[in-house]
Structures are given as C-alpha cells and as structure tokens.
Amino acid sequence: MRTVICLAVSIAFPALVSTAAPPAQPAANLASASNMLAHVQMLASTIGPRNVSNYSNLVASANYIEKCLADLQYSVKTQQFESGSVLLWNLECEIGGSSSVSNEIIIVGAHYDTCYKTPGANDNASGIAVMLELARLLRTNTVDRTLRFVAFVNEEPPFFKSELMGSVVYAARSKQRGEKIVGMMSLETVGYYSEIKNSQTYPTIGFGLFYPSKGNFIAFVSNKESKALLQNCEQAFTAAGPPLPIEALSTGQLVPGISLSDQWSFWIYGYPGMMVTDTAMFRYRHYHKATDTPEKLNYEKMADLVRGLRAVIERLSRK
C-alpha cells in the first residue's frame, strides 16, 4: 500500500490564519483551471502582498498552503529559521518512495512570498497554484523515488541569493543531512501567455534568432550541470502532448535571468535543478509591480502546463 509520509510540526498563529476555505477539489482526476484561479485569487487578492514587511499576510499565505495540503491528506512539515526576531518557514510534504531508490528525492517547489508592495499573482501565486494542483493529482500515486512538494519563503529581494533565502536554507540543510536530491523543479511565474508577435523578449539579442517571438510557450531552463535532467523533463512533457509549446535551454549561469529562482539554491549545493517559467520580465510587463493581479493570467494554459508536468513528475519518480 502506498503511504504519504511526512513529519508534522505545528505552529499556532490563531489571530493571523485566513478563515476562508480552500477551493473545493474537483472529482475528476484532471487538471482544474478553476482550482488554480481560486488559489491565485486567495493569495494575490484576498491576502495580498506577502513578505516580511507584510508579515501577517506571509503567515496567512503559509497557513492557506498548509491547509490545502492537509485537505489532500498530506502531513506538512515546517522548516523554521529566523531573520532577526522574525520567524520564517518553508513548508514541505512528501510521498515516500516504495523501492530500492526511495532514498533518491525529487523536489517540486515554488516560493510563496512576493516582492515588496506587490500582490504577486504571477510572481508567484501562479507557481504555488500549479504546485498545489500537482499535489492534488499525484496524491494517490505510487512512486519509486521520494516525491516532495516544497513551498519556499524569502525568494524575493532583499533575501534573494542570501543565506536567508528560504530555498538556500532548505538546500543547505538537505546537504548537511546527506540527502540525495536527484532533481529539483522550481515553478516560477508560470501564468502569462501571449499570441502577439514580438511579445517575447530575451536577455540577449542572439536568443531571438533561435526562439519564438510570441510569448505563448513555457520554458524549461537549467545550468549546464543539470542538462540531463532538463532533457529528460522536456522529453516527458513533449510525449504527454499538452497543447502548450515548450522551449528548453541549458546554459551557463552568466546568461541573465537563468538563475532567478529557487533552483539556483540547489545548484550551489551541487544538486541538479531546473526552472519552469513563462520567462517573467521577458514577457510580462507587470512583473514586480502592483498591477500583477489575477485577471492577467491564463488559467487554461496553466491547466495545460499541469497536464504536462504531471507526466514529467511521474517519469522522474520512477526508477
């Protein structure tokens, strides 16, 4: 029998917990656009900016994510650390592996904080919504490798690429424990798509010669050391056949934008990782602005993304 395994650590913030219930889960075992819309609306509209400057909102968003996972019969472990006198935490749950490679770990992660004074619908409520939907769809799966879903705090400035970045704390502690993470997928700004010509830009001029001018695709991006992971994921996504174009790039970290998410934290500790993204500021003009609101996103495209990523994760979690 497949068991969902997690250690539960509880933190009580009764005055700060959002009282709104998570969206009802659809009966069909299919990706739900309406489910993800509800998640994004809760995080970006009802809760709003969520960071250490809006600490009660940060707590409310963490509690919402934890409740969503608990409603799916996961137990949730909170990984705590402090910034000055402020308590912060990552959220983690897992499906334990059931074979000889159960010590190998696949991580699907997204950050739940936002840039200062921004509601963060695309950055990064969209990533959290996709992660929660994947957790719902995969919750009854039997896996060979251990599969973890992780919501990271403190991805945004001023913590980005610092020792207080949530994913840096997570990767560092994983390394200290000797954990064998064989693949990390960071879901980063995944909700905006455009069919308008020249809606897509790139960090350097040369990229435009080889990649599309329309921002209608999802991008898989990795460093050179994670190329095998990226290629495996690209093949699985393409084979699944969702009606969402995919572009993949494995390159050096000097290329602007390639390290702008939580996969970077795993790279610096020697773990393979990749970013799944709509390319953020190279397509989305509301990036890190107060106008990053839920109605800007395409939830049907996000459902297509979930369909493809489900196949990717199922492949990665098999030996």
C-alpha atoms as a PDB file:
ATOM      1  CA  MET A   1       0.000   0.000   0.000  1.00  0.00           C
ATOM      2  CA  ARG A   2       1.298   3.440  -0.884  1.00  0.00           C
ATOM      3  CA  THR A   3       1.637   5.748   2.089  1.00  0.00           C
ATOM      4  CA  VAL A   4       2.006   9.501   2.195  1.00  0.00           C
ATOM      5  CA  ILE A   5       4.796  10.207   4.668  1.00  0.00           C
ATOM      6  CA  CYS A   6       5.585  13.460   6.450  1.00  0.00           C
ATOM      7  CA  LEU A   7       6.533  14.659   9.888  1.00  0.00           C
ATOM      8  CA  ALA A   8       4.014  17.154  11.220  1.00  0.00           C
ATOM      9  CA  VAL A   9       5.252  20.224  13.069  1.00  0.00           C
ATOM     10  CA  SER A  10       2.565  22.667  14.106  1.00  0.00           C
ATOM     11  CA  ILE A  11       2.826  26.396  14.670  1.00  0.00           C
ATOM     12  CA  ALA A  12      -0.158  28.277  16.034  1.00  0.00           C
ATOM     13  CA  PHE A  13      -0.937  31.777  14.788  1.00  0.00           C
ATOM     14  CA  PRO A  14      -4.673  31.908  15.552  1.00  0.00           C
ATOM     15  CA  ALA A  15      -5.050  35.628  15.030  1.00  0.00           C
ATOM     16  CA  LEU A  16      -3.396  35.544  11.636  1.00  0.00           C
ATOM     17  CA  VAL A  17      -4.884  32.469   9.985  1.00  0.00           C
ATOM     18  CA  SER A  18      -7.094  33.127   6.986  1.00  0.00           C
ATOM     19  CA  THR A  19     -10.609  31.857   7.687  1.00  0.00           C
ATOM     20  CA  ALA A  20     -11.530  31.399   4.035  1.00  0.00           C
ATOM     21  CA  ALA A  21     -11.760  27.774   2.963  1.00  0.00           C
ATOM     22  CA  PRO A  22      -9.567  26.488   0.129  1.00  0.00           C
ATOM     23  CA  PRO A  23     -11.405  25.830  -3.151  1.00  0.00           C
ATOM     24  CA  ALA A  24     -13.408  22.643  -3.471  1.00  0.00           C
ATOM     25  CA  GLN A  25     -11.451  19.893  -5.162  1.00  0.00           C
ATOM     26  CA  PRO A  26     -12.926  18.622  -8.451  1.00  0.00           C
ATOM     27  CA  ALA A  27     -13.973  14.983  -8.548  1.00  0.00           C
ATOM     28  CA  ALA A  28     -12.314  14.263 -11.886  1.00  0.00           C
ATOM     29  CA  ASN A  29      -8.636  13.379 -11.833  1.00  0.00           C
ATOM     30  CA  LEU A  30      -7.892  16.163 -14.309  1.00  0.00           C
ATOM     31  CA  ALA A  31      -6.080  19.479 -14.062  1.00  0.00           C
ATOM     32  CA  SER A  32      -8.502  22.177 -12.955  1.00  0.00           C
ATOM     33  CA  ALA A  33      -8.171  25.745 -14.222  1.00  0.00           C
ATOM     34  CA  SER A  34     -10.843  26.912 -11.765  1.00  0.00           C
ATOM     35  CA  ASN A  35      -8.952  25.380  -8.866  1.00  0.00           C
ATOM     36  CA  MET A  36      -5.829  27.343  -9.761  1.00  0.00           C
ATOM     37  CA  LEU A  37      -7.819  30.543 -10.276  1.00  0.00           C
ATOM     38  CA  ALA A  38      -9.179  30.157  -6.742  1.00  0.00           C
ATOM     39  CA  HIS A  39      -5.682  29.667  -5.320  1.00  0.00           C
ATOM     40  CA  VAL A  40      -4.324  32.731  -7.121  1.00  0.00           C
ATOM     41  CA  GLN A  41      -7.287  34.872  -6.074  1.00  0.00           C
ATOM     42  CA  MET A  42      -6.843  33.844  -2.453  1.00  0.00           C
ATOM     43  CA  LEU A  43      -3.116  34.567  -2.395  1.00  0.00           C
ATOM     44  CA  ALA A  44      -2.988  37.685  -4.573  1.00  0.00           C
ATOM     45  CA  SER A  45      -6.379  39.323  -3.923  1.00  0.00           C
ATOM     46  CA  THR A  46      -7.705  38.191  -0.545  1.00  0.00           C
ATOM     47  CA  ILE A  47      -4.311  38.021   1.193  1.00  0.00           C
ATOM     48  CA  GLY A  48      -2.220  40.351  -0.986  1.00  0.00           C
ATOM     49  CA  PRO A  49       1.456  41.329  -0.607  1.00  0.00           C
ATOM     50  CA  ARG A  50       3.218  38.670   1.473  1.00  0.00           C
ATOM     51  CA  ASN A  51       6.722  39.229   2.766  1.00  0.00           C
ATOM     52  CA  VAL A  52       8.451  40.226   5.998  1.00  0.00           C
ATOM     53  CA  SER A  53       7.107  43.766   5.548  1.00  0.00           C
ATOM     54  CA  ASN A  54       3.595  42.287   5.389  1.00  0.00           C
ATOM     55  CA  TYR A  55       4.226  39.581   7.948  1.00  0.00           C
ATOM     56  CA  SER A  56       0.595  38.795   8.818  1.00  0.00           C
ATOM     57  CA  ASN A  57      -0.068  38.212   5.114  1.00  0.00           C
ATOM     58  CA  LEU A  58       3.005  35.999   4.849  1.00  0.00           C
ATOM     59  CA  VAL A  59       1.702  33.900   7.736  1.00  0.00           C
ATOM     60  CA  ALA A  60      -1.803  33.787   6.254  1.00  0.00           C
ATOM     61  CA  SER A  61      -0.450  32.551   2.919  1.00  0.00           C
ATOM     62  CA  ALA A  62       1.639  29.849   4.598  1.00  0.00           C
ATOM     63  CA  ASN A  63      -1.369  28.719   6.621  1.00  0.00           C
ATOM     64  CA  TYR A  64      -3.516  28.634   3.489  1.00  0.00           C
ATOM     65  CA  ILE A  65      -0.991  26.458   1.641  1.00  0.00           C
ATOM     66  CA  GLU A  66      -0.672  24.154   4.646  1.00  0.00           C
ATOM     67  CA  LYS A  67      -4.461  23.764   4.870  1.00  0.00           C
ATOM     68  CA  CYS A  68      -4.731  22.997   1.155  1.00  0.00           C
ATOM     69  CA  LEU A  69      -2.159  20.222   1.501  1.00  0.00           C
ATOM     70  CA  ALA A  70      -3.730  18.901   4.703  1.00  0.00           C
ATOM     71  CA  ASP A  71      -7.113  18.728   2.963  1.00  0.00           C
ATOM     72  CA  LEU A  72      -5.418  16.446   0.427  1.00  0.00           C
ATOM     73  CA  GLN A  73      -4.399  14.132   3.305  1.00  0.00           C
ATOM     74  CA  TYR A  74      -0.774  15.221   3.345  1.00  0.00           C
ATOM     75  CA  SER A  75       1.005  15.985   6.575  1.00  0.00           C
ATOM     76  CA  VAL A  76       3.110  19.107   6.448  1.00  0.00           C
ATOM     77  CA  LYS A  77       6.498  19.734   7.985  1.00  0.00           C
ATOM     78  CA  THR A  78       7.550  23.321   8.659  1.00  0.00           C
ATOM     79  CA  GLN A  79      11.249  24.083   8.358  1.00  0.00           C
ATOM     80  CA  GLN A  80      11.844  27.087  10.594  1.00  0.00           C
ATOM     81  CA  PHE A  81      14.557  29.729  10.680  1.00  0.00           C
ATOM     82  CA  GLU A  82      14.843  33.321  11.850  1.00  0.00           C
ATOM     83  CA  SER A  83      15.643  36.657  10.260  1.00  0.00           C
ATOM     84  CA  GLY A  84      16.451  38.899  13.191  1.00  0.00           C
ATOM     85  CA  SER A  85      13.485  38.432  15.503  1.00  0.00           C
ATOM     86  CA  VAL A  86      11.153  37.276  12.713  1.00  0.00           C
ATOM     87  CA  LEU A  87      10.235  33.602  12.472  1.00  0.00           C
ATOM     88  CA  LEU A  88      10.098  32.271   8.909  1.00  0.00           C
ATOM     89  CA  TRP A  89       9.476  28.844   7.471  1.00  0.00           C
ATOM     90  CA  ASN A  90       9.382  26.648   4.417  1.00  0.00           C
ATOM     91  CA  LEU A  91       6.551  24.128   4.040  1.00  0.00           C
ATOM     92  CA  GLU A  92       7.191  20.555   2.952  1.00  0.00           C
ATOM     93  CA  CYS A  93       5.234  17.362   2.376  1.00  0.00           C
ATOM     94  CA  GLU A  94       6.151  14.172   0.606  1.00  0.00           C
ATOM     95  CA  ILE A  95       5.048  10.876  -0.881  1.00  0.00           C
ATOM     96  CA  GLY A  96       7.548   8.306   0.280  1.00  0.00           C
ATOM     97  CA  GLY A  97       9.291   6.154  -2.288  1.00  0.00           C
ATOM     98  CA  SER A  98       8.484   2.444  -2.304  1.00  0.00           C
ATOM     99  CA  SER A  99      11.502   0.838  -3.965  1.00  0.00           C
ATOM    100  CA  SER A 100      15.261   0.440  -3.705  1.00  0.00           C
ATOM    101  CA  VAL A 101      15.682   4.064  -4.834  1.00  0.00           C
ATOM    102  CA  SER A 102      13.397   5.569  -2.190  1.00  0.00           C
ATOM    103  CA  ASN A 103      16.412   7.468  -0.813  1.00  0.00           C
ATOM    104  CA  GLU A 104      16.514   9.453  -4.068  1.00  0.00           C
ATOM    105  CA  ILE A 105      14.410  12.607  -3.871  1.00  0.00           C
ATOM    106  CA  ILE A 106      12.501  14.636  -6.471  1.00  0.00           C
ATOM    107  CA  ILE A 107      11.505  18.142  -5.357  1.00  0.00           C
ATOM    108  CA  VAL A 108       8.726  20.225  -6.894  1.00  0.00           C
ATOM    109  CA  GLY A 109       8.904  23.695  -5.378  1.00  0.00           C
ATOM    110  CA  ALA A 110       7.601  27.252  -5.615  1.00  0.00           C
ATOM    111  CA  HIS A 111       8.079  30.352  -3.473  1.00  0.00           C
ATOM    112  CA  TYR A 112       5.093  31.870  -1.715  1.00  0.00           C
ATOM    113  CA  ASP A 113       6.441  35.323  -0.861  1.00  0.00           C
ATOM    114  CA  THR A 114       6.127  38.398  -3.069  1.00  0.00           C
ATOM    115  CA  CYS A 115       8.161  41.438  -3.944  1.00  0.00           C
ATOM    116  CA  TYR A 116       7.525  44.454  -1.692  1.00  0.00           C
ATOM    117  CA  LYS A 117       4.044  46.011  -2.151  1.00  0.00           C
ATOM    118  CA  THR A 118       3.049  43.653  -4.974  1.00  0.00           C
ATOM    119  CA  PRO A 119       0.111  41.205  -4.904  1.00  0.00           C
ATOM    120  CA  GLY A 120       2.163  38.673  -6.853  1.00  0.00           C
ATOM    121  CA  ALA A 121      -0.467  36.884  -8.926  1.00  0.00           C
ATOM    122  CA  ASN A 122       2.027  35.642 -11.481  1.00  0.00           C
ATOM    123  CA  ASP A 123       5.054  36.022  -9.204  1.00  0.00           C
ATOM    124  CA  ASN A 124       4.445  33.666  -7.627  1.00  0.00           C
ATOM    125  CA  ALA A 125       0.890  32.683  -6.740  1.00  0.00           C
ATOM    126  CA  SER A 126       0.807  31.016 -10.157  1.00  0.00           C
ATOM    127  CA  GLY A 127       3.698  28.728  -9.179  1.00  0.00           C
ATOM    128  CA  ILE A 128       2.076  27.835  -5.852  1.00  0.00           C
ATOM    129  CA  ALA A 129      -1.255  27.153  -7.596  1.00  0.00           C
ATOM    130  CA  VAL A 130       0.394  24.776 -10.063  1.00  0.00           C
ATOM    131  CA  MET A 131       2.266  23.042  -7.246  1.00  0.00           C
ATOM    132  CA  LEU A 132      -0.949  22.553  -5.247  1.00  0.00           C
ATOM    133  CA  GLU A 133      -2.756  21.191  -8.285  1.00  0.00           C
ATOM    134  CA  LEU A 134       0.077  18.751  -8.968  1.00  0.00           C
ATOM    135  CA  ALA A 135      -0.019  17.667  -5.325  1.00  0.00           C
ATOM    136  CA  ARG A 136      -3.744  17.003  -5.686  1.00  0.00           C
ATOM    137  CA  LEU A 137      -3.388  14.965  -8.864  1.00  0.00           C
ATOM    138  CA  LEU A 138      -0.404  12.935  -7.681  1.00  0.00           C
ATOM    139  CA  ARG A 139      -1.511  12.257  -4.114  1.00  0.00           C
ATOM    140  CA  THR A 140      -2.588   8.647  -4.810  1.00  0.00           C
ATOM    141  CA  ASN A 141       0.440   7.760  -6.943  1.00  0.00           C
ATOM    142  CA  THR A 142       2.855   5.009  -6.028  1.00  0.00           C
ATOM    143  CA  VAL A 143       6.389   6.316  -6.554  1.00  0.00           C
ATOM    144  CA  ASP A 144       9.792   4.657  -6.587  1.00  0.00           C
ATOM    145  CA  ARG A 145      11.720   7.785  -5.665  1.00  0.00           C
ATOM    146  CA  THR A 146      10.512  10.010  -2.841  1.00  0.00           C
ATOM    147  CA  LEU A 147       8.483  12.958  -4.153  1.00  0.00           C
ATOM    148  CA  ARG A 148       8.424  16.208  -2.201  1.00  0.00           C
ATOM    149  CA  PHE A 149       6.379  19.358  -2.614  1.00  0.00           C
ATOM    150  CA  VAL A 150       8.023  22.404  -1.033  1.00  0.00           C
ATOM    151  CA  ALA A 151       6.760  25.984  -0.640  1.00  0.00           C
ATOM    152  CA  PHE A 152       9.714  28.306  -0.077  1.00  0.00           C
ATOM    153  CA  VAL A 153       9.746  31.628   1.740  1.00  0.00           C
ATOM    154  CA  ASN A 154      12.049  34.610   1.049  1.00  0.00           C
ATOM    155  CA  GLU A 155      12.815  34.152  -2.632  1.00  0.00           C
ATOM    156  CA  GLU A 156      12.310  37.838  -3.363  1.00  0.00           C
ATOM    157  CA  PRO A 157      14.649  40.772  -2.559  1.00  0.00           C
ATOM    158  CA  PRO A 158      16.254  41.594  -0.188  1.00  0.00           C
ATOM    159  CA  PHE A 159      16.750  37.897   0.560  1.00  0.00           C
ATOM    160  CA  PHE A 160      17.445  36.605  -2.951  1.00  0.00           C
ATOM    161  CA  LYS A 161      20.793  34.764  -3.139  1.00  0.00           C
ATOM    162  CA  SER A 162      21.404  35.342   0.568  1.00  0.00           C
ATOM    163  CA  GLU A 163      21.717  32.859   3.431  1.00  0.00           C
ATOM    164  CA  LEU A 164      18.161  33.821   4.472  1.00  0.00           C
ATOM    165  CA  MET A 165      16.618  32.827   1.142  1.00  0.00           C
ATOM    166  CA  GLY A 166      14.228  30.005   2.021  1.00  0.00           C
ATOM    167  CA  SER A 167      15.471  27.623  -0.632  1.00  0.00           C
ATOM    168  CA  VAL A 168      19.105  28.262   0.365  1.00  0.00           C
ATOM    169  CA  VAL A 169      18.222  27.247   3.920  1.00  0.00           C
ATOM    170  CA  TYR A 170      16.449  24.168   2.574  1.00  0.00           C
ATOM    171  CA  ALA A 171      19.224  23.064   0.211  1.00  0.00           C
ATOM    172  CA  ALA A 172      21.912  23.675   2.838  1.00  0.00           C
ATOM    173  CA  ARG A 173      20.111  21.548   5.417  1.00  0.00           C
ATOM    174  CA  SER A 174      19.489  18.834   2.838  1.00  0.00           C
ATOM    175  CA  LYS A 175      23.211  18.766   2.100  1.00  0.00           C
ATOM    176  CA  GLN A 176      24.040  18.597   5.808  1.00  0.00           C
ATOM    177  CA  ARG A 177      21.714  15.599   6.188  1.00  0.00           C
ATOM    178  CA  GLY A 178      23.306  13.896   3.200  1.00  0.00           C
ATOM    179  CA  GLU A 179      20.057  13.800   1.258  1.00  0.00           C
ATOM    180  CA  LYS A 180      20.247  12.527  -2.297  1.00  0.00           C
ATOM    181  CA  ILE A 181      18.228  15.054  -4.299  1.00  0.00           C
ATOM    182  CA  VAL A 182      18.317  13.860  -7.911  1.00  0.00           C
ATOM    183  CA  GLY A 183      16.088  16.545  -9.399  1.00  0.00           C
ATOM    184  CA  MET A 184      14.585  19.879  -8.349  1.00  0.00           C
ATOM    185  CA  MET A 185      11.897  21.711 -10.326  1.00  0.00           C
ATOM    186  CA  SER A 186      11.233  25.376  -9.488  1.00  0.00           C
ATOM    187  CA  LEU A 187       7.833  26.695 -10.597  1.00  0.00           C
ATOM    188  CA  GLU A 188       8.401  30.405 -11.217  1.00  0.00           C
ATOM    189  CA  THR A 189       5.909  32.832 -12.812  1.00  0.00           C
ATOM    190  CA  VAL A 190       4.027  30.342 -14.977  1.00  0.00           C
ATOM    191  CA  GLY A 191       0.708  32.057 -15.752  1.00  0.00           C
ATOM    192  CA  TYR A 192       1.092  34.612 -18.560  1.00  0.00           C
ATOM    193  CA  TYR A 193       0.912  33.798 -22.289  1.00  0.00           C
ATOM    194  CA  SER A 194       0.501  35.910 -25.420  1.00  0.00           C
ATOM    195  CA  GLU A 195      -0.101  35.194 -29.106  1.00  0.00           C
ATOM    196  CA  ILE A 196       1.017  38.693 -30.100  1.00  0.00           C
ATOM    197  CA  LYS A 197       4.095  38.868 -32.317  1.00  0.00           C
ATOM    198  CA  ASN A 198       7.154  40.273 -30.538  1.00  0.00           C
ATOM    199  CA  SER A 199       5.502  39.847 -27.139  1.00  0.00           C
ATOM    200  CA  GLN A 200       8.512  37.723 -26.168  1.00  0.00           C
ATOM    201  CA  THR A 201      11.888  39.284 -25.471  1.00  0.00           C
ATOM    202  CA  TYR A 202      15.190  37.697 -24.453  1.00  0.00           C
ATOM    203  CA  PRO A 203      18.171  38.565 -22.252  1.00  0.00           C
ATOM    204  CA  THR A 204      20.469  38.859 -25.267  1.00  0.00           C
ATOM    205  CA  ILE A 205      19.778  39.633 -28.925  1.00  0.00           C
ATOM    206  CA  GLY A 206      21.066  36.297 -30.163  1.00  0.00           C
ATOM    207  CA  PHE A 207      18.331  34.300 -28.461  1.00  0.00           C
ATOM    208  CA  GLY A 208      15.715  35.879 -30.713  1.00  0.00           C
ATOM    209  CA  LEU A 209      17.293  34.160 -33.712  1.00  0.00           C
ATOM    210  CA  PHE A 210      16.519  30.712 -32.317  1.00  0.00           C
ATOM    211  CA  TYR A 211      13.494  31.139 -30.060  1.00  0.00           C
ATOM    212  CA  PRO A 212       9.906  32.332 -30.764  1.00  0.00           C
ATOM    213  CA  SER A 213       8.804  35.951 -30.969  1.00  0.00           C
ATOM    214  CA  LYS A 214       5.429  35.123 -29.391  1.00  0.00           C
ATOM    215  CA  GLY A 215       5.234  34.601 -25.645  1.00  0.00           C
ATOM    216  CA  ASN A 216       2.958  31.587 -25.953  1.00  0.00           C
ATOM    217  CA  PHE A 217       5.277  28.871 -24.615  1.00  0.00           C
ATOM    218  CA  ILE A 218       6.551  27.505 -21.323  1.00  0.00           C
ATOM    219  CA  ALA A 219      10.312  27.459 -20.798  1.00  0.00           C
ATOM    220  CA  PHE A 220      12.441  24.822 -19.076  1.00  0.00           C
ATOM    221  CA  VAL A 221      15.770  26.355 -18.050  1.00  0.00           C
ATOM    222  CA  SER A 222      18.803  24.798 -16.359  1.00  0.00           C
ATOM    223  CA  ASN A 223      22.515  25.207 -15.835  1.00  0.00           C
ATOM    224  CA  LYS A 224      24.889  23.016 -17.835  1.00  0.00           C
ATOM    225  CA  GLU A 225      25.335  20.578 -14.959  1.00  0.00           C
ATOM    226  CA  SER A 226      21.584  19.856 -14.974  1.00  0.00           C
ATOM    227  CA  LYS A 227      21.307  19.257 -18.717  1.00  0.00           C
ATOM    228  CA  ALA A 228      20.398  15.560 -18.378  1.00  0.00           C
ATOM    229  CA  LEU A 229      17.533  16.441 -16.025  1.00  0.00           C
ATOM    230  CA  LEU A 230      16.293  19.149 -18.376  1.00  0.00           C
ATOM    231  CA  GLN A 231      16.353  16.856 -21.412  1.00  0.00           C
ATOM    232  CA  ASN A 232      14.510  14.106 -19.547  1.00  0.00           C
ATOM    233  CA  CYS A 233      11.822  16.572 -18.463  1.00  0.00           C
ATOM    234  CA  GLU A 234      11.494  18.070 -21.936  1.00  0.00           C
ATOM    235  CA  GLN A 235      11.029  14.623 -23.477  1.00  0.00           C
ATOM    236  CA  ALA A 236       8.383  13.611 -20.944  1.00  0.00           C
ATOM    237  CA  PHE A 237       6.488  16.889 -21.340  1.00  0.00           C
ATOM    238  CA  THR A 238       6.500  16.645 -25.134  1.00  0.00           C
ATOM    239  CA  ALA A 239       5.422  12.996 -25.074  1.00  0.00           C
ATOM    240  CA  ALA A 240       2.459  13.885 -22.853  1.00  0.00           C
ATOM    241  CA  GLY A 241       1.210  16.130 -25.646  1.00  0.00           C
ATOM    242  CA  PRO A 242      -0.385  19.095 -23.844  1.00  0.00           C
ATOM    243  CA  PRO A 243      -1.354  21.907 -26.269  1.00  0.00           C
ATOM    244  CA  LEU A 244       1.320  24.170 -24.832  1.00  0.00           C
ATOM    245  CA  PRO A 245       4.579  24.768 -26.706  1.00  0.00           C
ATOM    246  CA  ILE A 246       7.783  24.187 -24.773  1.00  0.00           C
ATOM    247  CA  GLU A 247      11.241  25.676 -25.211  1.00  0.00           C
ATOM    248  CA  ALA A 248      14.247  24.304 -23.331  1.00  0.00           C
ATOM    249  CA  LEU A 249      17.612  25.884 -22.583  1.00  0.00           C
ATOM    250  CA  SER A 250      20.630  24.556 -20.712  1.00  0.00           C
ATOM    251  CA  THR A 251      23.374  27.144 -20.487  1.00  0.00           C
ATOM    252  CA  GLY A 252      25.916  28.891 -18.302  1.00  0.00           C
ATOM    253  CA  GLN A 253      24.845  30.919 -15.292  1.00  0.00           C
ATOM    254  CA  LEU A 254      26.251  34.130 -16.770  1.00  0.00           C
ATOM    255  CA  VAL A 255      23.209  34.365 -19.061  1.00  0.00           C
ATOM    256  CA  PRO A 256      20.897  36.987 -17.478  1.00  0.00           C
ATOM    257  CA  GLY A 257      17.801  35.527 -15.856  1.00  0.00           C
ATOM    258  CA  ILE A 258      18.822  31.878 -15.787  1.00  0.00           C
ATOM    259  CA  SER A 259      19.419  31.807 -12.032  1.00  0.00           C
ATOM    260  CA  LEU A 260      16.473  33.991 -10.990  1.00  0.00           C
ATOM    261  CA  SER A 261      14.617  31.463  -8.864  1.00  0.00           C
ATOM    262  CA  ASP A 262      14.953  28.744  -6.264  1.00  0.00           C
ATOM    263  CA  GLN A 263      16.734  26.226  -8.491  1.00  0.00           C
ATOM    264  CA  TRP A 264      19.853  28.382  -8.039  1.00  0.00           C
ATOM    265  CA  SER A 265      19.967  27.423  -4.354  1.00  0.00           C
ATOM    266  CA  PHE A 266      20.195  23.756  -5.272  1.00  0.00           C
ATOM    267  CA  TRP A 267      22.835  24.387  -7.929  1.00  0.00           C
ATOM    268  CA  ILE A 268      25.208  25.943  -5.401  1.00  0.00           C
ATOM    269  CA  TYR A 269      24.988  22.789  -3.277  1.00  0.00           C
ATOM    270  CA  GLY A 270      25.635  20.504  -6.227  1.00  0.00           C
ATOM    271  CA  TYR A 271      22.077  19.320  -6.817  1.00  0.00           C
ATOM    272  CA  PRO A 272      20.541  19.187 -10.326  1.00  0.00           C
ATOM    273  CA  GLY A 273      17.684  21.607 -10.812  1.00  0.00           C
ATOM    274  CA  MET A 274      15.702  23.497 -13.400  1.00  0.00           C
ATOM    275  CA  MET A 275      13.234  26.360 -13.617  1.00  0.00           C
ATOM    276  CA  VAL A 276       9.801  26.105 -15.224  1.00  0.00           C
ATOM    277  CA  THR A 277       8.754  29.621 -16.229  1.00  0.00           C
ATOM    278  CA  ASP A 278       6.823  31.840 -18.614  1.00  0.00           C
ATOM    279  CA  THR A 279      10.090  33.887 -18.609  1.00  0.00           C
ATOM    280  CA  ALA A 280       8.739  36.588 -16.254  1.00  0.00           C
ATOM    281  CA  MET A 281      10.048  40.070 -17.130  1.00  0.00           C
ATOM    282  CA  PHE A 282      10.996  38.972 -20.633  1.00  0.00           C
ATOM    283  CA  ARG A 283       7.274  38.698 -21.418  1.00  0.00           C
ATOM    284  CA  TYR A 284       5.199  40.027 -18.536  1.00  0.00           C
ATOM    285  CA  ARG A 285       5.216  43.804 -18.158  1.00  0.00           C
ATOM    286  CA  HIS A 286       3.541  43.616 -14.740  1.00  0.00           C
ATOM    287  CA  TYR A 287       6.479  41.739 -13.200  1.00  0.00           C
ATOM    288  CA  HIS A 288       7.258  43.074  -9.700  1.00  0.00           C
ATOM    289  CA  LYS A 289       4.524  45.704  -9.987  1.00  0.00           C
ATOM    290  CA  ALA A 290       1.290  46.441  -8.141  1.00  0.00           C
ATOM    291  CA  THR A 291      -0.522  45.531 -11.363  1.00  0.00           C
ATOM    292  CA  ASP A 292       0.469  41.833 -11.097  1.00  0.00           C
ATOM    293  CA  THR A 293      -3.142  40.785 -10.477  1.00  0.00           C
ATOM    294  CA  PRO A 294      -5.127  37.544 -11.035  1.00  0.00           C
ATOM    295  CA  GLU A 295      -7.090  38.591 -14.127  1.00  0.00           C
ATOM    296  CA  LYS A 296      -3.863  38.899 -16.141  1.00  0.00           C
ATOM    297  CA  LEU A 297      -3.240  35.144 -16.085  1.00  0.00           C
ATOM    298  CA  ASN A 298      -4.380  32.358 -18.408  1.00  0.00           C
ATOM    299  CA  TYR A 299      -5.672  29.541 -16.225  1.00  0.00           C
ATOM    300  CA  GLU A 300      -6.451  27.197 -19.105  1.00  0.00           C
ATOM    301  CA  LYS A 301      -2.797  27.414 -20.153  1.00  0.00           C
ATOM    302  CA  MET A 302      -1.821  26.718 -16.563  1.00  0.00           C
ATOM    303  CA  ALA A 303      -4.007  23.599 -16.678  1.00  0.00           C
ATOM    304  CA  ASP A 304      -2.203  22.535 -19.862  1.00  0.00           C
ATOM    305  CA  LEU A 305       1.071  23.060 -18.023  1.00  0.00           C
ATOM    306  CA  VAL A 306      -0.088  20.873 -15.141  1.00  0.00           C
ATOM    307  CA  ARG A 307      -1.017  18.081 -17.553  1.00  0.00           C
ATOM    308  CA  GLY A 308       2.479  18.092 -18.987  1.00  0.00           C
ATOM    309  CA  LEU A 309       4.260  18.455 -15.655  1.00  0.00           C
ATOM    310  CA  ARG A 310       2.276  15.593 -14.206  1.00  0.00           C
ATOM    311  CA  ALA A 311       3.791  13.320 -16.839  1.00  0.00           C
ATOM    312  CA  VAL A 312       7.241  14.776 -16.153  1.00  0.00           C
ATOM    313  CA  ILE A 313       6.999  14.102 -12.427  1.00  0.00           C
ATOM    314  CA  GLU A 314       5.639  10.611 -12.961  1.00  0.00           C
ATOM    315  CA  ARG A 315       8.653   9.826 -15.150  1.00  0.00           C
ATOM    316  CA  LEU A 316      11.142  11.331 -12.703  1.00  0.00           C
ATOM    317  CA  SER A 317       9.663   9.467  -9.744  1.00  0.00           C
ATOM    318  CA  ARG A 318      10.012   6.065 -11.443  1.00  0.00           C
ATOM    319  CA  LYS A 319      13.289   4.157 -11.346  1.00  0.00           C
END
